[in-house]
């Protein structure tokens, strides 16, 4: 029987270290109870950890390479810009993506001046347009990047692979928010948000994930998956989000999508390493000397962060950004994000408050979380937020009137009737 995760995680070792002394020193009846109930549970946990595919095993820190690039979408501001600067400072080449070509060119010039030995390409594509992900992939192909899994599987030596470029880190960060009541916000803007968050992210991951899983070791030509797929979600994906219903729904999709893809990819990595071990044995190579897979899928769920994102969403004057301590500073969030991606963590939640809220909020009564979220997205004017004719809608946000034939009238009050 082959153990897929050896040596065992420290948590399992600690578990057994704590269990056996307890069984030995406990009174007879308590020891018997633990033996009957506790021992089978711990044995099951151990077997689950050892024998099932290595879904939980963390890869080593991903190091830069001459032909390896980090692709960050939406990097002309906010966490995207901060993260791409941090990757560049760590020696990574980068592909910069954004809609604003002026800001994109300025960022490229700045990074090229700071790090002259590294390479920085640019891509300008509006990901809120249907089919934008496919066009972006074609742009990558035109710049010499490998975007086909079959091609990646045939590049075995450093000479061949050196002529091509690979996206070793994909960070799906591009996005925006429409903060308003669902029936009051323009449907076209909300549809663009769905296309940007869901369609573009799904398309990019679908195109580049197989390339990472098909990579081969330069020295041996054996299968050796390499790369990082990162999706930037949000804390709001765990919560109901009145005033940001569609935005929260897209982030919930990203969380579910990323977790599911992470498990599927772990099975593919496990199969690739079994094939590597088989081929290494046929070639007379010691499996211990063969480079291992270094691949991970990461979900980043930041909470409220002081960036230009909030201003663009016309939400920077809401309570969540005005109450001290609720929103975190952008550099610390970006640093946690970059370090977590390179380390191959499954989930990165910048800030202790973010982790606490994501754990507790789903266990609270739904009416309470709805109310709190509604208040935090408001502007602190109770008369306007709850009982005004524009309840919950910022003065700057356009109010779209529903069609008369629909029978839907704009609410004057959200609580207590009209």
Protein backbone atom coordinates (compact mmCIF):
# COMPACT_ATOMS: atom_id res chain seq x y z
CA UNK A 1 0.00 0.00 0.00
CA UNK A 2 1.36 3.39 -1.02
CA UNK A 3 1.24 6.29 1.42
CA UNK A 4 0.54 9.48 -0.50
CA UNK A 5 1.48 11.88 2.28
CA UNK A 6 4.65 10.89 4.09
CA UNK A 7 6.00 12.23 6.37
CA UNK A 8 2.67 12.89 8.08
CA UNK A 9 1.58 16.42 8.97
CA UNK A 10 2.66 17.68 12.37
CA UNK A 11 -0.98 17.93 13.44
CA UNK A 12 -1.42 14.15 13.07
CA UNK A 13 1.77 13.40 14.98
CA UNK A 14 0.70 15.77 17.76
CA UNK A 15 -2.70 14.08 17.83
CA UNK A 16 -1.17 10.68 18.53
CA UNK A 17 1.30 12.10 21.04
CA UNK A 18 -1.63 13.49 23.02
CA UNK A 19 -3.88 10.44 22.67
CA UNK A 20 -1.60 7.66 23.91
CA UNK A 21 -0.58 9.26 27.23
CA UNK A 22 -4.24 10.04 27.86
CA UNK A 23 -5.17 6.41 27.36
CA UNK A 24 -2.38 5.25 29.65
CA UNK A 25 -2.93 7.56 32.62
CA UNK A 26 -6.73 7.81 32.62
CA UNK A 27 -8.81 5.76 35.07
CA UNK A 28 -9.89 2.39 33.80
CA UNK A 29 -13.42 3.27 32.83
CA UNK A 30 -12.45 6.55 31.18
CA UNK A 31 -9.60 4.83 29.39
CA UNK A 32 -11.96 2.18 28.13
CA UNK A 33 -14.37 4.83 26.89
CA UNK A 34 -11.59 6.67 25.08
CA UNK A 35 -10.35 3.41 23.66
CA UNK A 36 -13.78 2.52 22.29
CA UNK A 37 -14.72 5.95 20.98
CA UNK A 38 -11.61 8.05 20.56
CA UNK A 39 -9.15 5.57 19.10
CA UNK A 40 -11.28 4.64 16.05
CA UNK A 41 -11.86 8.34 15.32
CA UNK A 42 -8.16 9.16 15.44
CA UNK A 43 -7.35 6.07 13.37
CA UNK A 44 -9.86 7.17 10.74
CA UNK A 45 -8.34 10.66 10.63
CA UNK A 46 -4.89 9.17 10.19
CA UNK A 47 -5.97 6.84 7.37
CA UNK A 48 -7.81 9.70 5.68
CA UNK A 49 -4.65 11.83 5.80
CA UNK A 50 -2.31 9.10 4.55
CA UNK A 51 -4.30 7.26 1.92
CA UNK A 52 -6.50 9.80 0.15
CA UNK A 53 -5.03 12.11 -2.53
CA UNK A 54 -2.76 14.80 -1.09
CA UNK A 55 -5.34 17.58 -1.16
CA UNK A 56 -3.91 19.07 2.02
CA UNK A 57 -0.17 18.93 1.38
CA UNK A 58 1.28 22.39 0.96
CA UNK A 59 3.86 22.88 -1.80
CA UNK A 60 7.18 24.64 -1.38
CA UNK A 61 7.58 28.38 -1.91
CA UNK A 62 7.47 29.15 -5.63
CA UNK A 63 10.68 30.75 -6.88
CA UNK A 64 11.02 33.01 -9.95
CA UNK A 65 12.56 31.73 -13.18
CA UNK A 66 13.82 33.55 -16.31
CA UNK A 67 10.82 32.49 -18.41
CA UNK A 68 8.23 32.55 -15.60
CA UNK A 69 5.76 35.42 -15.31
CA UNK A 70 3.09 36.55 -12.87
CA UNK A 71 -0.11 37.67 -14.62
CA UNK A 72 -2.18 40.06 -12.49
CA UNK A 73 -5.46 41.29 -13.91
CA UNK A 74 -6.67 44.71 -12.83
CA UNK A 75 -3.28 45.90 -11.63
CA UNK A 76 -3.53 49.65 -12.35
CA UNK A 77 -4.65 50.34 -8.79
CA UNK A 78 -5.55 48.88 -5.41
CA UNK A 79 -4.41 45.44 -4.33
CA UNK A 80 -3.53 44.52 -7.92
CA UNK A 81 -0.94 47.26 -8.27
CA UNK A 82 0.51 46.68 -4.81
CA UNK A 83 0.79 42.94 -5.36
CA UNK A 84 2.48 43.23 -8.76
CA UNK A 85 5.03 45.64 -7.27
CA UNK A 86 5.73 43.13 -4.49
CA UNK A 87 6.15 40.30 -6.99
CA UNK A 88 8.58 42.44 -8.98
CA UNK A 89 10.53 43.20 -5.82
CA UNK A 90 10.89 39.45 -5.28
CA UNK A 91 12.43 38.97 -8.72
CA UNK A 92 9.38 38.01 -10.78
CA UNK A 93 8.70 39.03 -14.34
CA UNK A 94 5.12 40.23 -14.73
CA UNK A 95 2.31 40.63 -17.20
CA UNK A 96 0.39 43.78 -16.33
CA UNK A 97 -3.28 43.95 -17.21
CA UNK A 98 -5.68 46.88 -16.98
CA UNK A 99 -8.20 48.91 -18.93
CA UNK A 100 -6.47 52.27 -18.47
CA UNK A 101 -3.63 52.19 -20.98
CA UNK A 102 -2.08 55.39 -19.62
CA UNK A 103 -1.79 54.01 -16.08
CA UNK A 104 -0.66 50.67 -17.45
CA UNK A 105 2.16 52.23 -19.44
CA UNK A 106 3.21 54.35 -16.45
CA UNK A 107 3.32 51.27 -14.23
CA UNK A 108 5.34 49.35 -16.81
CA UNK A 109 7.85 52.19 -17.17
CA UNK A 110 8.22 52.53 -13.41
CA UNK A 111 8.81 48.80 -12.87
CA UNK A 112 11.21 48.58 -15.82
CA UNK A 113 13.24 51.47 -14.39
CA UNK A 114 13.34 49.91 -10.92
CA UNK A 115 14.12 46.36 -12.09
CA UNK A 116 15.98 46.60 -15.42
CA UNK A 117 16.93 42.89 -15.46
CA UNK A 118 13.28 41.78 -15.39
CA UNK A 119 10.63 41.83 -18.09
CA UNK A 120 7.20 43.44 -17.91
CA UNK A 121 4.59 42.93 -20.61
CA UNK A 122 1.21 44.65 -20.78
CA UNK A 123 -2.27 43.52 -21.79
CA UNK A 124 -5.22 45.85 -22.17
CA UNK A 125 -8.60 44.17 -22.41
CA UNK A 126 -11.93 45.06 -20.83
CA UNK A 127 -12.85 41.89 -18.96
CA UNK A 128 -16.42 43.08 -18.42
CA UNK A 129 -17.12 42.45 -22.11
CA UNK A 130 -18.31 38.95 -23.07
CA UNK A 131 -15.53 36.88 -24.62
CA UNK A 132 -12.76 39.07 -23.19
CA UNK A 133 -10.96 36.14 -21.53
CA UNK A 134 -10.47 34.41 -24.88
CA UNK A 135 -9.09 37.58 -26.44
CA UNK A 136 -6.68 38.02 -23.53
CA UNK A 137 -5.42 34.46 -23.96
CA UNK A 138 -4.82 35.14 -27.64
CA UNK A 139 -2.83 38.23 -26.72
CA UNK A 140 -0.69 36.06 -24.47
CA UNK A 141 -0.12 33.64 -27.33
CA UNK A 142 0.96 36.52 -29.56
CA UNK A 143 3.54 37.60 -26.97
CA UNK A 144 5.17 34.16 -26.95
CA UNK A 145 3.43 32.60 -23.96
CA UNK A 146 2.49 28.94 -23.87
CA UNK A 147 -1.30 28.75 -23.58
CA UNK A 148 -1.80 25.18 -24.83
CA UNK A 149 -1.44 22.17 -22.54
CA UNK A 150 -0.20 19.89 -25.33
CA UNK A 151 2.56 22.34 -26.18
CA UNK A 152 3.56 22.62 -22.51
CA UNK A 153 3.81 18.83 -22.25
CA UNK A 154 6.33 18.68 -25.13
CA UNK A 155 8.74 21.31 -23.76
CA UNK A 156 11.20 19.24 -21.76
CA UNK A 157 14.67 20.77 -21.87
CA UNK A 158 15.89 24.14 -20.73
CA UNK A 159 16.93 25.01 -24.30
CA UNK A 160 13.45 24.40 -25.69
CA UNK A 161 11.57 25.83 -22.75
CA UNK A 162 13.79 28.90 -22.56
CA UNK A 163 12.47 30.10 -25.90
CA UNK A 164 8.91 30.19 -24.53
CA UNK A 165 7.31 32.10 -21.70
CA UNK A 166 4.97 30.66 -19.07
CA UNK A 167 2.38 32.19 -16.78
CA UNK A 168 3.49 30.59 -13.52
CA UNK A 169 1.23 32.79 -11.39
CA UNK A 170 -2.28 33.74 -12.46
CA UNK A 171 -4.05 36.25 -10.21
CA UNK A 172 -7.66 36.96 -11.20
CA UNK A 173 -8.00 40.28 -9.44
CA UNK A 174 -9.93 42.49 -11.87
CA UNK A 175 -13.32 43.59 -10.62
CA UNK A 176 -15.58 46.40 -9.53
CA UNK A 177 -18.66 46.84 -7.36
CA UNK A 178 -22.11 48.28 -7.91
CA UNK A 179 -23.34 49.39 -4.49
CA UNK A 180 -27.05 50.15 -4.53
CA UNK A 181 -30.37 48.46 -4.06
CA UNK A 182 -30.73 45.71 -6.65
CA UNK A 183 -33.81 47.18 -8.36
CA UNK A 184 -32.32 50.68 -8.34
CA UNK A 185 -28.95 49.87 -9.89
CA UNK A 186 -28.74 49.78 -13.71
CA UNK A 187 -29.05 46.20 -14.91
CA UNK A 188 -26.38 46.75 -17.58
CA UNK A 189 -23.79 47.69 -14.94
CA UNK A 190 -24.64 44.63 -12.86
CA UNK A 191 -24.39 42.39 -15.93
CA UNK A 192 -20.94 43.82 -16.71
CA UNK A 193 -19.93 42.99 -13.14
CA UNK A 194 -21.10 39.39 -13.60
CA UNK A 195 -19.12 39.11 -16.84
CA UNK A 196 -15.98 40.55 -15.24
CA UNK A 197 -16.06 38.54 -12.00
CA UNK A 198 -17.49 35.25 -13.20
CA UNK A 199 -17.11 34.84 -16.97
CA UNK A 200 -13.61 36.32 -17.28
CA UNK A 201 -12.24 34.49 -14.23
CA UNK A 202 -13.72 31.19 -15.33
CA UNK A 203 -12.33 31.62 -18.85
CA UNK A 204 -8.81 32.52 -17.75
CA UNK A 205 -8.57 29.66 -15.26
CA UNK A 206 -9.95 27.23 -17.82
CA UNK A 207 -7.30 28.31 -20.33
CA UNK A 208 -4.19 28.48 -18.12
CA UNK A 209 -4.78 25.80 -15.48
CA UNK A 210 -4.16 22.87 -17.89
CA UNK A 211 -0.86 24.45 -18.96
CA UNK A 212 0.38 24.53 -15.37
CA UNK A 213 -0.71 20.94 -14.75
CA UNK A 214 1.04 19.75 -17.95
CA UNK A 215 4.46 21.21 -17.13
CA UNK A 216 7.47 18.92 -17.16
CA UNK A 217 10.76 18.96 -15.30
CA UNK A 218 13.56 20.58 -17.28
CA UNK A 219 16.28 18.14 -16.24
CA UNK A 220 14.38 14.84 -16.58
CA UNK A 221 11.39 15.57 -18.81
CA UNK A 222 9.10 13.93 -16.25
CA UNK A 223 5.67 15.37 -15.40
CA UNK A 224 6.05 18.11 -12.82
CA UNK A 225 3.04 20.46 -12.39
CA UNK A 226 4.10 24.00 -11.50
CA UNK A 227 2.24 27.23 -10.90
CA UNK A 228 -0.25 29.18 -8.85
CA UNK A 229 -3.87 29.92 -9.69
CA UNK A 230 -5.25 32.67 -7.48
CA UNK A 231 -8.75 34.07 -7.37
CA UNK A 232 -9.41 37.24 -5.40
CA UNK A 233 -12.81 36.89 -3.79
CA UNK A 234 -14.12 38.88 -0.87
CA UNK A 235 -15.27 38.53 2.71
CA UNK A 236 -18.70 39.55 1.46
CA UNK A 237 -18.86 36.23 -0.37
CA UNK A 238 -19.52 34.56 2.99
CA UNK A 239 -22.30 36.97 3.95
CA UNK A 240 -25.64 38.23 2.72
CA UNK A 241 -25.02 41.60 1.14
CA UNK A 242 -27.99 43.97 0.90
CA UNK A 243 -27.07 47.01 -1.21
CA UNK A 244 -24.51 44.82 -3.01
CA UNK A 245 -26.58 41.77 -3.88
CA UNK A 246 -25.04 40.94 -7.24
CA UNK A 247 -21.52 41.82 -6.12
CA UNK A 248 -21.81 39.51 -3.11
CA UNK A 249 -23.31 36.76 -5.26
CA UNK A 250 -20.39 36.90 -7.71
CA UNK A 251 -17.92 36.64 -4.85
CA UNK A 252 -19.81 33.66 -3.43
CA UNK A 253 -19.50 32.02 -6.85
CA UNK A 254 -15.75 32.69 -6.90
CA UNK A 255 -15.32 31.08 -3.47
CA UNK A 256 -17.23 27.94 -4.45
CA UNK A 257 -15.55 27.79 -7.86
CA UNK A 258 -12.03 28.14 -6.45
CA UNK A 259 -12.49 25.52 -3.74
CA UNK A 260 -13.90 23.03 -6.23
CA UNK A 261 -11.13 23.65 -8.77
CA UNK A 262 -8.53 23.31 -6.01
CA UNK A 263 -9.71 19.81 -5.18
CA UNK A 264 -9.94 18.74 -8.82
CA UNK A 265 -6.44 20.09 -9.46
CA UNK A 266 -5.07 18.24 -6.44
CA UNK A 267 -6.28 14.97 -7.94
CA UNK A 268 -4.55 15.84 -11.21
CA UNK A 269 -1.30 16.68 -9.40
CA UNK A 270 -1.47 13.42 -7.48
CA UNK A 271 -1.96 11.47 -10.70
CA UNK A 272 0.93 13.33 -12.34
CA UNK A 273 3.28 12.48 -9.50
CA UNK A 274 2.30 8.82 -9.61
CA UNK A 275 3.14 8.86 -13.32
CA UNK A 276 6.42 10.63 -12.52
CA UNK A 277 7.34 7.93 -10.04
CA UNK A 278 6.51 5.24 -12.57
CA UNK A 279 8.58 6.85 -15.34
CA UNK A 280 11.46 7.56 -12.98
CA UNK A 281 11.59 3.88 -12.08
CA UNK A 282 11.63 2.93 -15.76
CA UNK A 283 14.51 5.33 -16.41
CA UNK A 284 16.44 4.09 -13.40
CA UNK A 285 16.13 7.39 -11.55
CA UNK A 286 15.73 7.69 -7.81
CA UNK A 287 12.31 9.19 -7.12
CA UNK A 288 13.73 11.14 -4.18
CA UNK A 289 15.99 13.06 -6.60
CA UNK A 290 13.18 14.02 -8.98
CA UNK A 291 11.75 17.54 -8.51
CA UNK A 292 8.26 17.41 -7.03
CA UNK A 293 5.14 19.23 -8.14
CA UNK A 294 4.87 22.81 -6.95
CA UNK A 295 1.30 23.78 -7.71
CA UNK A 296 -1.51 25.35 -5.70
CA UNK A 297 -4.87 27.02 -6.07
CA UNK A 298 -5.45 29.93 -3.69
CA UNK A 299 -8.57 31.81 -2.71
CA UNK A 300 -7.97 35.31 -1.32
CA UNK A 301 -10.87 36.84 0.62
CA UNK A 302 -9.94 40.33 1.82
CA UNK A 303 -12.37 42.35 3.87
CA UNK A 304 -12.95 46.06 3.50
CA UNK A 305 -9.65 47.64 2.42
CA UNK A 306 -8.69 51.26 1.94
CA UNK A 307 -8.03 51.35 -1.82
CA UNK A 308 -9.35 53.18 -4.86
CA UNK A 309 -11.79 50.28 -5.32
CA UNK A 310 -14.16 51.71 -2.71
CA UNK A 311 -14.13 55.17 -4.29
CA UNK A 312 -14.85 53.72 -7.71
CA UNK A 313 -17.84 51.89 -6.22
CA UNK A 314 -19.02 55.11 -4.53
CA UNK A 315 -18.83 53.29 -1.22
CA UNK A 316 -15.89 55.08 0.39
CA UNK A 317 -18.27 57.17 2.53
CA UNK A 318 -20.14 54.13 3.88
CA UNK A 319 -19.77 53.14 7.53
CA UNK A 320 -17.61 50.11 6.80
CA UNK A 321 -14.86 52.47 5.58
CA UNK A 322 -15.47 55.25 8.11
CA UNK A 323 -15.60 53.30 11.38
CA UNK A 324 -12.02 52.89 12.66
CA UNK A 325 -10.76 49.32 12.67
CA UNK A 326 -13.27 47.83 10.22
CA UNK A 327 -11.28 48.46 7.04
CA UNK A 328 -7.62 47.44 6.82
CA UNK A 329 -4.75 49.20 5.12
CA UNK A 330 -3.94 48.07 1.61
CA UNK A 331 -0.16 47.35 1.94
CA UNK A 332 -0.62 44.82 4.74
CA UNK A 333 -3.45 43.09 2.85
CA UNK A 334 -1.37 42.91 -0.33
CA UNK A 335 1.64 41.58 1.58
CA UNK A 336 -0.41 38.80 3.15
CA UNK A 337 -1.83 38.00 -0.28
CA UNK A 338 1.56 37.76 -2.01
CA UNK A 339 3.15 35.69 0.75
CA UNK A 340 0.19 33.33 0.85
CA UNK A 341 0.23 32.83 -2.92
CA UNK A 342 3.94 32.05 -3.08
CA UNK A 343 3.65 29.69 -0.10
CA UNK A 344 0.80 27.83 -1.80
CA UNK A 345 -1.84 28.37 0.86
CA UNK A 346 -5.35 27.25 0.01
CA UNK A 347 -7.00 30.23 1.68
CA UNK A 348 -5.63 33.69 2.43
CA UNK A 349 -7.70 35.94 4.68
CA UNK A 350 -5.76 39.18 5.28
CA UNK A 351 -6.29 40.44 8.81
CA UNK A 352 -7.52 38.75 11.98
CA UNK A 353 -10.89 40.50 11.76
CA UNK A 354 -11.51 39.04 8.30
CA UNK A 355 -10.88 35.49 9.52
CA UNK A 356 -13.05 36.04 12.60
CA UNK A 357 -16.00 37.44 10.64
CA UNK A 358 -15.85 34.72 7.97
CA UNK A 359 -15.97 32.09 10.74
CA UNK A 360 -18.69 33.58 12.92
CA UNK A 361 -21.01 35.32 10.45
CA UNK A 362 -22.41 32.17 8.77
CA UNK A 363 -23.37 30.86 12.21
CA UNK A 364 -25.34 33.96 13.23
CA UNK A 365 -29.06 34.45 12.58
CA UNK A 366 -29.61 35.57 9.00
CA UNK A 367 -31.78 38.53 10.03
CA UNK A 368 -28.92 39.85 12.17
CA UNK A 369 -26.29 39.52 9.44
CA UNK A 370 -28.64 41.12 6.89
CA UNK A 371 -29.24 44.06 9.21
CA UNK A 372 -25.56 44.57 10.10
CA UNK A 373 -24.45 44.34 6.49
CA UNK A 374 -27.15 46.76 5.40
CA UNK A 375 -26.05 49.26 8.07
CA UNK A 376 -22.34 48.96 7.22
CA UNK A 377 -22.96 49.63 3.53
CA UNK A 378 -24.99 52.70 4.51
CA UNK A 379 -23.72 56.17 5.21
CA UNK A 380 -24.76 56.54 8.84
CA UNK A 381 -27.77 58.74 8.15
CA UNK A 382 -30.50 56.67 9.78
CA UNK A 383 -33.34 58.78 8.41
CA UNK A 384 -32.10 58.34 4.85
CA UNK A 385 -30.76 54.81 5.17
CA UNK A 386 -33.92 53.27 6.58
CA UNK A 387 -36.89 55.57 6.06
CA UNK A 388 -35.96 58.05 3.32
CA UNK A 389 -37.37 58.05 -0.18
CA UNK A 390 -33.93 56.94 -1.44
CA UNK A 391 -33.37 54.39 1.32
CA UNK A 392 -29.94 52.88 0.95
CA UNK A 393 -29.06 54.65 -2.29
CA UNK A 394 -26.27 57.16 -2.49
CA UNK A 395 -27.12 60.53 -3.94
CA UNK A 396 -24.49 60.05 -6.63
CA UNK A 397 -25.78 56.65 -7.74
CA UNK A 398 -28.17 56.67 -10.69
CA UNK A 399 -31.62 55.42 -9.81
CA UNK A 400 -33.04 53.22 -12.53
CA UNK A 401 -36.81 53.12 -12.56
CA UNK A 402 -38.26 49.67 -13.20
CA UNK A 403 -40.60 49.31 -16.17
CA UNK A 404 -44.17 50.27 -15.42
CA UNK A 405 -45.44 47.02 -16.86
CA UNK A 406 -43.40 45.02 -14.40
CA UNK A 407 -45.55 46.05 -11.50
CA UNK A 408 -42.47 46.79 -9.38
CA UNK A 409 -42.37 50.15 -7.65
CA UNK A 410 -39.32 51.65 -6.00
CA UNK A 411 -39.51 51.20 -2.22
CA UNK A 412 -39.88 54.31 -0.13
CA UNK A 413 -39.16 52.55 3.13
CA UNK A 414 -37.30 49.33 3.70
CA UNK A 415 -38.75 48.72 7.14
CA UNK A 416 -42.26 49.30 8.49
CA UNK A 417 -44.16 49.50 5.20
CA UNK A 418 -44.57 52.62 3.09
